[in-house]
Amino acid sequence: MLFRKRTLREVAATWIDQVQVLSSSPFAVRRVRQQFRQAGATVPQRAQAFHAHSQYEERAFRYLLCIEAMREPSPGRYYLDEGSLPSWRRRFLLPWW
């Protein structure tokens, strides 16, 4: 159904989830980005699975997916899209890149 009425609980849960993603630690974002760079996962052919070591890394990873700095060429495999980083840096004023 296209226009389904959502409950207040569903709306609040979605909002809280988005706030948690967007409040990710800059240090965790930098760590996740560095992990993918060190693994060479910067092109679709070298995509790899991601396993977070903490909730901060999980949030940082979800944030990178949200702003499309991480791509998923196949299910469960991700790579860091280095080409998109300069435009995201300008758009969102990301000081930790």
PDB file of N, CA and C in Angstrom:
ATOM      1  N   MET A   1       0.843  -1.169   0.000  1.00  0.00           N
ATOM      2  CA  MET A   1       0.000   0.000   0.000  1.00  0.00           C
ATOM      3  C   MET A   1       0.896   1.243   0.000  1.00  0.00           C
ATOM      4  N   LEU A   2       0.642   2.138  -0.895  1.00  0.00           N
ATOM      5  CA  LEU A   2       1.498   3.297  -1.087  1.00  0.00           C
ATOM      6  C   LEU A   2       1.431   4.288   0.066  1.00  0.00           C
ATOM      7  N   PHE A   3       0.244   4.642   0.494  1.00  0.00           N
ATOM      8  CA  PHE A   3       0.089   5.630   1.553  1.00  0.00           C
ATOM      9  C   PHE A   3      -0.487   4.975   2.803  1.00  0.00           C
ATOM     10  N   ARG A   4       0.329   4.186   3.454  1.00  0.00           N
ATOM     11  CA  ARG A   4      -0.102   3.502   4.661  1.00  0.00           C
ATOM     12  C   ARG A   4       0.091   4.434   5.853  1.00  0.00           C
ATOM     13  N   LYS A   5      -0.861   4.503   6.721  1.00  0.00           N
ATOM     14  CA  LYS A   5      -0.749   5.346   7.909  1.00  0.00           C
ATOM     15  C   LYS A   5       0.164   4.648   8.917  1.00  0.00           C
ATOM     16  N   ARG A   6       1.205   5.364   9.330  1.00  0.00           N
ATOM     17  CA  ARG A   6       2.161   4.778  10.267  1.00  0.00           C
ATOM     18  C   ARG A   6       1.840   5.211  11.688  1.00  0.00           C
ATOM     19  N   THR A   7       2.118   4.328  12.620  1.00  0.00           N
ATOM     20  CA  THR A   7       1.870   4.651  14.019  1.00  0.00           C
ATOM     21  C   THR A   7       2.953   5.599  14.516  1.00  0.00           C
ATOM     22  N   LEU A   8       2.656   6.258  15.611  1.00  0.00           N
ATOM     23  CA  LEU A   8       3.621   7.166  16.222  1.00  0.00           C
ATOM     24  C   LEU A   8       4.889   6.400  16.644  1.00  0.00           C
ATOM     25  N   ARG A   9       4.719   5.193  17.094  1.00  0.00           N
ATOM     26  CA  ARG A   9       5.862   4.373  17.496  1.00  0.00           C
ATOM     27  C   ARG A   9       6.779   4.091  16.305  1.00  0.00           C
ATOM     28  N   GLU A  10       6.203   3.785  15.146  1.00  0.00           N
ATOM     29  CA  GLU A  10       7.009   3.533  13.943  1.00  0.00           C
ATOM     30  C   GLU A  10       7.753   4.794  13.508  1.00  0.00           C
ATOM     31  N   VAL A  11       7.064   5.925  13.548  1.00  0.00           N
ATOM     32  CA  VAL A  11       7.693   7.189  13.163  1.00  0.00           C
ATOM     33  C   VAL A  11       8.831   7.517  14.125  1.00  0.00           C
ATOM     34  N   ALA A  12       8.600   7.369  15.419  1.00  0.00           N
ATOM     35  CA  ALA A  12       9.628   7.672  16.415  1.00  0.00           C
ATOM     36  C   ALA A  12      10.827   6.731  16.271  1.00  0.00           C
ATOM     37  N   ALA A  13      10.567   5.464  16.038  1.00  0.00           N
ATOM     38  CA  ALA A  13      11.667   4.499  15.880  1.00  0.00           C
ATOM     39  C   ALA A  13      12.509   4.835  14.657  1.00  0.00           C
ATOM     40  N   THR A  14      11.887   5.223  13.571  1.00  0.00           N
ATOM     41  CA  THR A  14      12.616   5.607  12.360  1.00  0.00           C
ATOM     42  C   THR A  14      13.439   6.857  12.614  1.00  0.00           C
ATOM     43  N   TRP A  15      12.860   7.830  13.279  1.00  0.00           N
ATOM     44  CA  TRP A  15      13.551   9.072  13.573  1.00  0.00           C
ATOM     45  C   TRP A  15      14.754   8.838  14.483  1.00  0.00           C
ATOM     46  N   ILE A  16      14.572   8.047  15.521  1.00  0.00           N
ATOM     47  CA  ILE A  16      15.669   7.744  16.456  1.00  0.00           C
ATOM     48  C   ILE A  16      16.783   7.008  15.731  1.00  0.00           C
ATOM     49  N   ASP A  17      16.439   6.088  14.861  1.00  0.00           N
ATOM     50  CA  ASP A  17      17.448   5.354  14.092  1.00  0.00           C
ATOM     51  C   ASP A  17      18.262   6.307  13.224  1.00  0.00           C
ATOM     52  N   GLN A  18      17.599   7.245  12.568  1.00  0.00           N
ATOM     53  CA  GLN A  18      18.309   8.202  11.714  1.00  0.00           C
ATOM     54  C   GLN A  18      19.198   9.127  12.529  1.00  0.00           C
ATOM     55  N   VAL A  19      18.749   9.564  13.684  1.00  0.00           N
ATOM     56  CA  VAL A  19      19.561  10.434  14.542  1.00  0.00           C
ATOM     57  C   VAL A  19      20.812   9.688  14.999  1.00  0.00           C
ATOM     58  N   GLN A  20      20.676   8.427  15.355  1.00  0.00           N
ATOM     59  CA  GLN A  20      21.834   7.646  15.779  1.00  0.00           C
ATOM     60  C   GLN A  20      22.832   7.492  14.642  1.00  0.00           C
ATOM     61  N   VAL A  21      22.352   7.281  13.436  1.00  0.00           N
ATOM     62  CA  VAL A  21      23.245   7.137  12.288  1.00  0.00           C
ATOM     63  C   VAL A  21      23.984   8.434  12.041  1.00  0.00           C
ATOM     64  N   LEU A  22      23.275   9.551  12.062  1.00  0.00           N
ATOM     65  CA  LEU A  22      23.894  10.830  11.746  1.00  0.00           C
ATOM     66  C   LEU A  22      24.767  11.367  12.866  1.00  0.00           C
ATOM     67  N   SER A  23      24.649  10.797  14.064  1.00  0.00           N
ATOM     68  CA  SER A  23      25.486  11.251  15.170  1.00  0.00           C
ATOM     69  C   SER A  23      26.697  10.343  15.355  1.00  0.00           C
ATOM     70  N   SER A  24      27.153   9.740  14.292  1.00  0.00           N
ATOM     71  CA  SER A  24      28.294   8.842  14.388  1.00  0.00           C
ATOM     72  C   SER A  24      29.567   9.627  14.688  1.00  0.00           C
ATOM     73  N   SER A  25      30.463   8.982  15.367  1.00  0.00           N
ATOM     74  CA  SER A  25      31.719   9.598  15.777  1.00  0.00           C
ATOM     75  C   SER A  25      32.640   9.806  14.582  1.00  0.00           C
ATOM     76  N   PRO A  26      33.251  10.983  14.462  1.00  0.00           N
ATOM     77  CA  PRO A  26      34.188  11.207  13.357  1.00  0.00           C
ATOM     78  C   PRO A  26      35.375  10.254  13.417  1.00  0.00           C
ATOM     79  N   PHE A  27      35.764   9.868  14.618  1.00  0.00           N
ATOM     80  CA  PHE A  27      36.881   8.931  14.762  1.00  0.00           C
ATOM     81  C   PHE A  27      36.510   7.549  14.246  1.00  0.00           C
ATOM     82  N   ALA A  28      35.269   7.140  14.525  1.00  0.00           N
ATOM     83  CA  ALA A  28      34.806   5.842  14.033  1.00  0.00           C
ATOM     84  C   ALA A  28      34.677   5.859  12.518  1.00  0.00           C
ATOM     85  N   VAL A  29      34.211   6.978  11.960  1.00  0.00           N
ATOM     86  CA  VAL A  29      34.122   7.093  10.502  1.00  0.00           C
ATOM     87  C   VAL A  29      35.502   6.959   9.891  1.00  0.00           C
ATOM     88  N   ARG A  30      36.454   7.627  10.492  1.00  0.00           N
ATOM     89  CA  ARG A  30      37.830   7.564   9.990  1.00  0.00           C
ATOM     90  C   ARG A  30      38.386   6.136  10.081  1.00  0.00           C
ATOM     91  N   ARG A  31      38.085   5.431  11.181  1.00  0.00           N
ATOM     92  CA  ARG A  31      38.561   4.047  11.338  1.00  0.00           C
ATOM     93  C   ARG A  31      37.966   3.129  10.278  1.00  0.00           C
ATOM     94  N   VAL A  32      36.665   3.255  10.046  1.00  0.00           N
ATOM     95  CA  VAL A  32      36.006   2.410   9.043  1.00  0.00           C
ATOM     96  C   VAL A  32      36.595   2.688   7.665  1.00  0.00           C
ATOM     97  N   ARG A  33      36.736   3.965   7.354  1.00  0.00           N
ATOM     98  CA  ARG A  33      37.308   4.347   6.057  1.00  0.00           C
ATOM     99  C   ARG A  33      38.722   3.789   5.910  1.00  0.00           C
ATOM    100  N   GLN A  34      39.511   3.881   6.971  1.00  0.00           N
ATOM    101  CA  GLN A  34      40.892   3.379   6.932  1.00  0.00           C
ATOM    102  C   GLN A  34      40.923   1.853   6.766  1.00  0.00           C
ATOM    103  N   GLN A  35      39.998   1.143   7.383  1.00  0.00           N
ATOM    104  CA  GLN A  35      39.941  -0.315   7.250  1.00  0.00           C
ATOM    105  C   GLN A  35      39.716  -0.708   5.794  1.00  0.00           C
ATOM    106  N   PHE A  36      38.818  -0.030   5.133  1.00  0.00           N
ATOM    107  CA  PHE A  36      38.545  -0.356   3.735  1.00  0.00           C
ATOM    108  C   PHE A  36      39.715   0.033   2.838  1.00  0.00           C
ATOM    109  N   ARG A  37      40.356   1.147   3.137  1.00  0.00           N
ATOM    110  CA  ARG A  37      41.524   1.535   2.344  1.00  0.00           C
ATOM    111  C   ARG A  37      42.662   0.528   2.504  1.00  0.00           C
ATOM    112  N   GLN A  38      42.934   0.122   3.736  1.00  0.00           N
ATOM    113  CA  GLN A  38      44.020  -0.834   3.975  1.00  0.00           C
ATOM    114  C   GLN A  38      43.736  -2.181   3.324  1.00  0.00           C
ATOM    115  N   ALA A  39      42.483  -2.557   3.247  1.00  0.00           N
ATOM    116  CA  ALA A  39      42.112  -3.830   2.624  1.00  0.00           C
ATOM    117  C   ALA A  39      42.072  -3.711   1.099  1.00  0.00           C
ATOM    118  N   GLY A  40      42.196  -2.490   0.591  1.00  0.00           N
ATOM    119  CA  GLY A  40      42.154  -2.284  -0.856  1.00  0.00           C
ATOM    120  C   GLY A  40      40.756  -2.317  -1.430  1.00  0.00           C
ATOM    121  N   ALA A  41      39.751  -2.209  -0.564  1.00  0.00           N
ATOM    122  CA  ALA A  41      38.359  -2.266  -1.017  1.00  0.00           C
ATOM    123  C   ALA A  41      37.894  -0.873  -1.431  1.00  0.00           C
ATOM    124  N   THR A  42      38.478  -0.365  -2.517  1.00  0.00           N
ATOM    125  CA  THR A  42      38.111   0.955  -3.023  1.00  0.00           C
ATOM    126  C   THR A  42      37.558   0.884  -4.441  1.00  0.00           C
ATOM    127  N   VAL A  43      37.413  -0.324  -4.950  1.00  0.00           N
ATOM    128  CA  VAL A  43      36.810  -0.546  -6.265  1.00  0.00           C
ATOM    129  C   VAL A  43      35.833  -1.714  -6.143  1.00  0.00           C
ATOM    130  N   PRO A  44      34.811  -1.776  -7.000  1.00  0.00           N
ATOM    131  CA  PRO A  44      33.798  -2.838  -6.875  1.00  0.00           C
ATOM    132  C   PRO A  44      34.379  -4.256  -6.930  1.00  0.00           C
ATOM    133  N   GLN A  45      35.447  -4.446  -7.694  1.00  0.00           N
ATOM    134  CA  GLN A  45      36.017  -5.783  -7.822  1.00  0.00           C
ATOM    135  C   GLN A  45      36.659  -6.265  -6.519  1.00  0.00           C
ATOM    136  N   ARG A  46      37.030  -5.358  -5.628  1.00  0.00           N
ATOM    137  CA  ARG A  46      37.694  -5.724  -4.378  1.00  0.00           C
ATOM    138  C   ARG A  46      36.792  -5.516  -3.168  1.00  0.00           C
ATOM    139  N   ALA A  47      35.483  -5.475  -3.392  1.00  0.00           N
ATOM    140  CA  ALA A  47      34.528  -5.280  -2.302  1.00  0.00           C
ATOM    141  C   ALA A  47      34.642  -6.408  -1.296  1.00  0.00           C
ATOM    142  N   GLN A  48      34.345  -6.093  -0.047  1.00  0.00           N
ATOM    143  CA  GLN A  48      34.457  -7.100   1.012  1.00  0.00           C
ATOM    144  C   GLN A  48      33.339  -6.929   2.031  1.00  0.00           C
ATOM    145  N   ALA A  49      33.186  -7.924   2.866  1.00  0.00           N
ATOM    146  CA  ALA A  49      32.182  -7.870   3.929  1.00  0.00           C
ATOM    147  C   ALA A  49      32.702  -6.965   5.044  1.00  0.00           C
ATOM    148  N   PHE A  50      31.800  -6.420   5.820  1.00  0.00           N
ATOM    149  CA  PHE A  50      32.195  -5.560   6.934  1.00  0.00           C
ATOM    150  C   PHE A  50      31.663  -6.131   8.230  1.00  0.00           C
ATOM    151  N   HIS A  51      32.530  -6.186   9.228  1.00  0.00           N
ATOM    152  CA  HIS A  51      32.147  -6.643  10.565  1.00  0.00           C
ATOM    153  C   HIS A  51      32.583  -5.575  11.558  1.00  0.00           C
ATOM    154  N   ALA A  52      31.617  -4.910  12.175  1.00  0.00           N
ATOM    155  CA  ALA A  52      31.917  -3.835  13.118  1.00  0.00           C
ATOM    156  C   ALA A  52      32.465  -4.411  14.416  1.00  0.00           C
ATOM    157  N   HIS A  53      33.415  -3.692  14.998  1.00  0.00           N
ATOM    158  CA  HIS A  53      33.997  -4.090  16.275  1.00  0.00           C
ATOM    159  C   HIS A  53      33.325  -3.387  17.449  1.00  0.00           C
ATOM    160  N   SER A  54      32.513  -2.377  17.158  1.00  0.00           N
ATOM    161  CA  SER A  54      31.808  -1.658  18.211  1.00  0.00           C
ATOM    162  C   SER A  54      30.543  -1.042  17.621  1.00  0.00           C
ATOM    163  N   GLN A  55      29.692  -0.557  18.502  1.00  0.00           N
ATOM    164  CA  GLN A  55      28.473   0.093  18.024  1.00  0.00           C
ATOM    165  C   GLN A  55      28.807   1.395  17.307  1.00  0.00           C
ATOM    166  N   TYR A  56      29.927   2.026  17.665  1.00  0.00           N
ATOM    167  CA  TYR A  56      30.338   3.262  17.000  1.00  0.00           C
ATOM    168  C   TYR A  56      30.740   2.992  15.554  1.00  0.00           C
ATOM    169  N   GLU A  57      31.453   1.895  15.342  1.00  0.00           N
ATOM    170  CA  GLU A  57      31.820   1.528  13.978  1.00  0.00           C
ATOM    171  C   GLU A  57      30.596   1.141  13.169  1.00  0.00           C
ATOM    172  N   GLU A  58      29.639   0.488  13.796  1.00  0.00           N
ATOM    173  CA  GLU A  58      28.395   0.126  13.101  1.00  0.00           C
ATOM    174  C   GLU A  58      27.643   1.374  12.667  1.00  0.00           C
ATOM    175  N   ARG A  59      27.542   2.357  13.563  1.00  0.00           N
ATOM    176  CA  ARG A  59      26.884   3.616  13.206  1.00  0.00           C
ATOM    177  C   ARG A  59      27.640   4.348  12.105  1.00  0.00           C
ATOM    178  N   ALA A  60      28.961   4.357  12.213  1.00  0.00           N
ATOM    179  CA  ALA A  60      29.781   5.031  11.202  1.00  0.00           C
ATOM    180  C   ALA A  60      29.591   4.376   9.843  1.00  0.00           C
ATOM    181  N   PHE A  61      29.559   3.054   9.826  1.00  0.00           N
ATOM    182  CA  PHE A  61      29.365   2.328   8.574  1.00  0.00           C
ATOM    183  C   PHE A  61      28.003   2.648   7.978  1.00  0.00           C
ATOM    184  N   ARG A  62      26.960   2.648   8.819  1.00  0.00           N
ATOM    185  CA  ARG A  62      25.623   2.973   8.332  1.00  0.00           C
ATOM    186  C   ARG A  62      25.552   4.414   7.833  1.00  0.00           C
ATOM    187  N   TYR A  63      26.295   5.317   8.484  1.00  0.00           N
ATOM    188  CA  TYR A  63      26.351   6.699   8.023  1.00  0.00           C
ATOM    189  C   TYR A  63      26.988   6.773   6.642  1.00  0.00           C
ATOM    190  N   LEU A  64      28.094   6.056   6.451  1.00  0.00           N
ATOM    191  CA  LEU A  64      28.762   6.053   5.145  1.00  0.00           C
ATOM    192  C   LEU A  64      27.849   5.476   4.067  1.00  0.00           C
ATOM    193  N   LEU A  65      27.076   4.466   4.414  1.00  0.00           N
ATOM    194  CA  LEU A  65      26.088   3.935   3.465  1.00  0.00           C
ATOM    195  C   LEU A  65      25.007   4.968   3.174  1.00  0.00           C
ATOM    196  N   CYS A  66      24.582   5.678   4.193  1.00  0.00           N
ATOM    197  CA  CYS A  66      23.520   6.667   4.055  1.00  0.00           C
ATOM    198  C   CYS A  66      23.932   7.802   3.118  1.00  0.00           C
ATOM    199  N   ILE A  67      25.170   8.247   3.196  1.00  0.00           N
ATOM    200  CA  ILE A  67      25.613   9.336   2.322  1.00  0.00           C
ATOM    201  C   ILE A  67      26.222   8.812   1.026  1.00  0.00           C
ATOM    202  N   GLU A  68      26.150   7.516   0.822  1.00  0.00           N
ATOM    203  CA  GLU A  68      26.610   6.844  -0.400  1.00  0.00           C
ATOM    204  C   GLU A  68      28.105   6.969  -0.633  1.00  0.00           C
ATOM    205  N   ALA A  69      28.876   7.032   0.450  1.00  0.00           N
ATOM    206  CA  ALA A  69      30.333   6.975   0.327  1.00  0.00           C
ATOM    207  C   ALA A  69      30.768   5.511   0.292  1.00  0.00           C
ATOM    208  N   MET A  70      29.916   4.623   0.774  1.00  0.00           N
ATOM    209  CA  MET A  70      30.133   3.174   0.683  1.00  0.00           C
ATOM    210  C   MET A  70      29.127   2.644  -0.321  1.00  0.00           C
ATOM    211  N   ARG A  71      29.575   1.744  -1.150  1.00  0.00           N
ATOM    212  CA  ARG A  71      28.696   1.141  -2.167  1.00  0.00           C
ATOM    213  C   ARG A  71      28.602  -0.352  -1.929  1.00  0.00           C
ATOM    214  N   GLU A  72      27.505  -0.939  -2.373  1.00  0.00           N
ATOM    215  CA  GLU A  72      27.265  -2.379  -2.227  1.00  0.00           C
ATOM    216  C   GLU A  72      27.041  -2.976  -3.613  1.00  0.00           C
ATOM    217  N   PRO A  73      28.136  -3.420  -4.292  1.00  0.00           N
ATOM    218  CA  PRO A  73      27.975  -3.967  -5.637  1.00  0.00           C
ATOM    219  C   PRO A  73      27.276  -5.322  -5.655  1.00  0.00           C
ATOM    220  N   SER A  74      27.438  -6.102  -4.590  1.00  0.00           N
ATOM    221  CA  SER A  74      26.741  -7.377  -4.455  1.00  0.00           C
ATOM    222  C   SER A  74      26.299  -7.502  -2.998  1.00  0.00           C
ATOM    223  N   PRO A  75      25.278  -8.268  -2.719  1.00  0.00           N
ATOM    224  CA  PRO A  75      24.751  -8.349  -1.356  1.00  0.00           C
ATOM    225  C   PRO A  75      25.817  -8.738  -0.323  1.00  0.00           C
ATOM    226  N   GLY A  76      25.961  -7.894   0.695  1.00  0.00           N
ATOM    227  CA  GLY A  76      26.894  -8.171   1.778  1.00  0.00           C
ATOM    228  C   GLY A  76      28.340  -7.795   1.494  1.00  0.00           C
ATOM    229  N   ARG A  77      28.633  -7.254   0.319  1.00  0.00           N
ATOM    230  CA  ARG A  77      29.998  -6.860  -0.058  1.00  0.00           C
ATOM    231  C   ARG A  77      30.005  -5.359  -0.300  1.00  0.00           C
ATOM    232  N   TYR A  78      30.967  -4.659   0.288  1.00  0.00           N
ATOM    233  CA  TYR A  78      31.001  -3.204   0.229  1.00  0.00           C
ATOM    234  C   TYR A  78      32.384  -2.716  -0.176  1.00  0.00           C
ATOM    235  N   TYR A  79      32.411  -1.511  -0.734  1.00  0.00           N
ATOM    236  CA  TYR A  79      33.682  -0.857  -1.022  1.00  0.00           C
ATOM    237  C   TYR A  79      33.540   0.640  -0.786  1.00  0.00           C
ATOM    238  N   LEU A  80      34.648   1.286  -0.498  1.00  0.00           N
ATOM    239  CA  LEU A  80      34.690   2.721  -0.267  1.00  0.00           C
ATOM    240  C   LEU A  80      34.807   3.419  -1.613  1.00  0.00           C
ATOM    241  N   ASP A  81      33.837   4.251  -1.930  1.00  0.00           N
ATOM    242  CA  ASP A  81      33.838   4.967  -3.208  1.00  0.00           C
ATOM    243  C   ASP A  81      34.670   6.237  -3.054  1.00  0.00           C
ATOM    244  N   GLU A  82      35.966   6.137  -3.331  1.00  0.00           N
ATOM    245  CA  GLU A  82      36.891   7.257  -3.166  1.00  0.00           C
ATOM    246  C   GLU A  82      36.527   8.430  -4.074  1.00  0.00           C
ATOM    247  N   GLY A  83      35.958   8.164  -5.223  1.00  0.00           N
ATOM    248  CA  GLY A  83      35.602   9.221  -6.158  1.00  0.00           C
ATOM    249  C   GLY A  83      34.511  10.138  -5.649  1.00  0.00           C
ATOM    250  N   SER A  84      33.639   9.628  -4.791  1.00  0.00           N
ATOM    251  CA  SER A  84      32.541  10.449  -4.287  1.00  0.00           C
ATOM    252  C   SER A  84      32.928  11.273  -3.065  1.00  0.00           C
ATOM    253  N   LEU A  85      34.067  10.989  -2.455  1.00  0.00           N
ATOM    254  CA  LEU A  85      34.425  11.667  -1.210  1.00  0.00           C
ATOM    255  C   LEU A  85      34.597  13.178  -1.338  1.00  0.00           C
ATOM    256  N   PRO A  86      35.264  13.700  -2.369  1.00  0.00           N
ATOM    257  CA  PRO A  86      35.389  15.168  -2.440  1.00  0.00           C
ATOM    258  C   PRO A  86      34.050  15.898  -2.531  1.00  0.00           C
ATOM    259  N   SER A  87      33.101  15.345  -3.271  1.00  0.00           N
ATOM    260  CA  SER A  87      31.805  16.012  -3.374  1.00  0.00           C
ATOM    261  C   SER A  87      31.050  15.934  -2.049  1.00  0.00           C
ATOM    262  N   TRP A  88      31.166  14.826  -1.326  1.00  0.00           N
ATOM    263  CA  TRP A  88      30.503  14.714  -0.030  1.00  0.00           C
ATOM    264  C   TRP A  88      31.166  15.623   0.984  1.00  0.00           C
ATOM    265  N   ARG A  89      32.466  15.797   0.881  1.00  0.00           N
ATOM    266  CA  ARG A  89      33.177  16.684   1.793  1.00  0.00           C
ATOM    267  C   ARG A  89      32.659  18.108   1.627  1.00  0.00           C
ATOM    268  N   ARG A  90      32.470  18.545   0.395  1.00  0.00           N
ATOM    269  CA  ARG A  90      31.954  19.888   0.152  1.00  0.00           C
ATOM    270  C   ARG A  90      30.485  20.008   0.561  1.00  0.00           C
ATOM    271  N   ARG A  91      29.705  18.980   0.257  1.00  0.00           N
ATOM    272  CA  ARG A  91      28.270  19.039   0.516  1.00  0.00           C
ATOM    273  C   ARG A  91      27.931  19.052   1.992  1.00  0.00           C
ATOM    274  N   PHE A  92      28.591  18.196   2.748  1.00  0.00           N
ATOM    275  CA  PHE A  92      28.249  18.038   4.158  1.00  0.00           C
ATOM    276  C   PHE A  92      29.280  18.624   5.102  1.00  0.00           C
ATOM    277  N   LEU A  93      30.318  19.271   4.554  1.00  0.00           N
ATOM    278  CA  LEU A  93      31.376  19.854   5.365  1.00  0.00           C
ATOM    279  C   LEU A  93      31.950  18.844   6.352  1.00  0.00           C
ATOM    280  N   LEU A  94      32.411  17.726   5.819  1.00  0.00           N
ATOM    281  CA  LEU A  94      32.950  16.654   6.642  1.00  0.00           C
ATOM    282  C   LEU A  94      34.410  16.929   6.960  1.00  0.00           C
ATOM    283  N   PRO A  95      34.707  17.377   8.157  1.00  0.00           N
ATOM    284  CA  PRO A  95      36.092  17.731   8.477  1.00  0.00           C
ATOM    285  C   PRO A  95      37.009  16.530   8.669  1.00  0.00           C
ATOM    286  N   TRP A  96      36.456  15.354   8.890  1.00  0.00           N
ATOM    287  CA  TRP A  96      37.294  14.204   9.204  1.00  0.00           C
ATOM    288  C   TRP A  96      37.725  13.410   7.993  1.00  0.00           C
ATOM    289  N   TRP A  97      37.459  13.870   6.786  1.00  0.00           N
ATOM    290  CA  TRP A  97      37.892  13.147   5.593  1.00  0.00           C
ATOM    291  C   TRP A  97      39.293  13.541   5.331  1.00  0.00           C
TER     292      TRP A  97
END
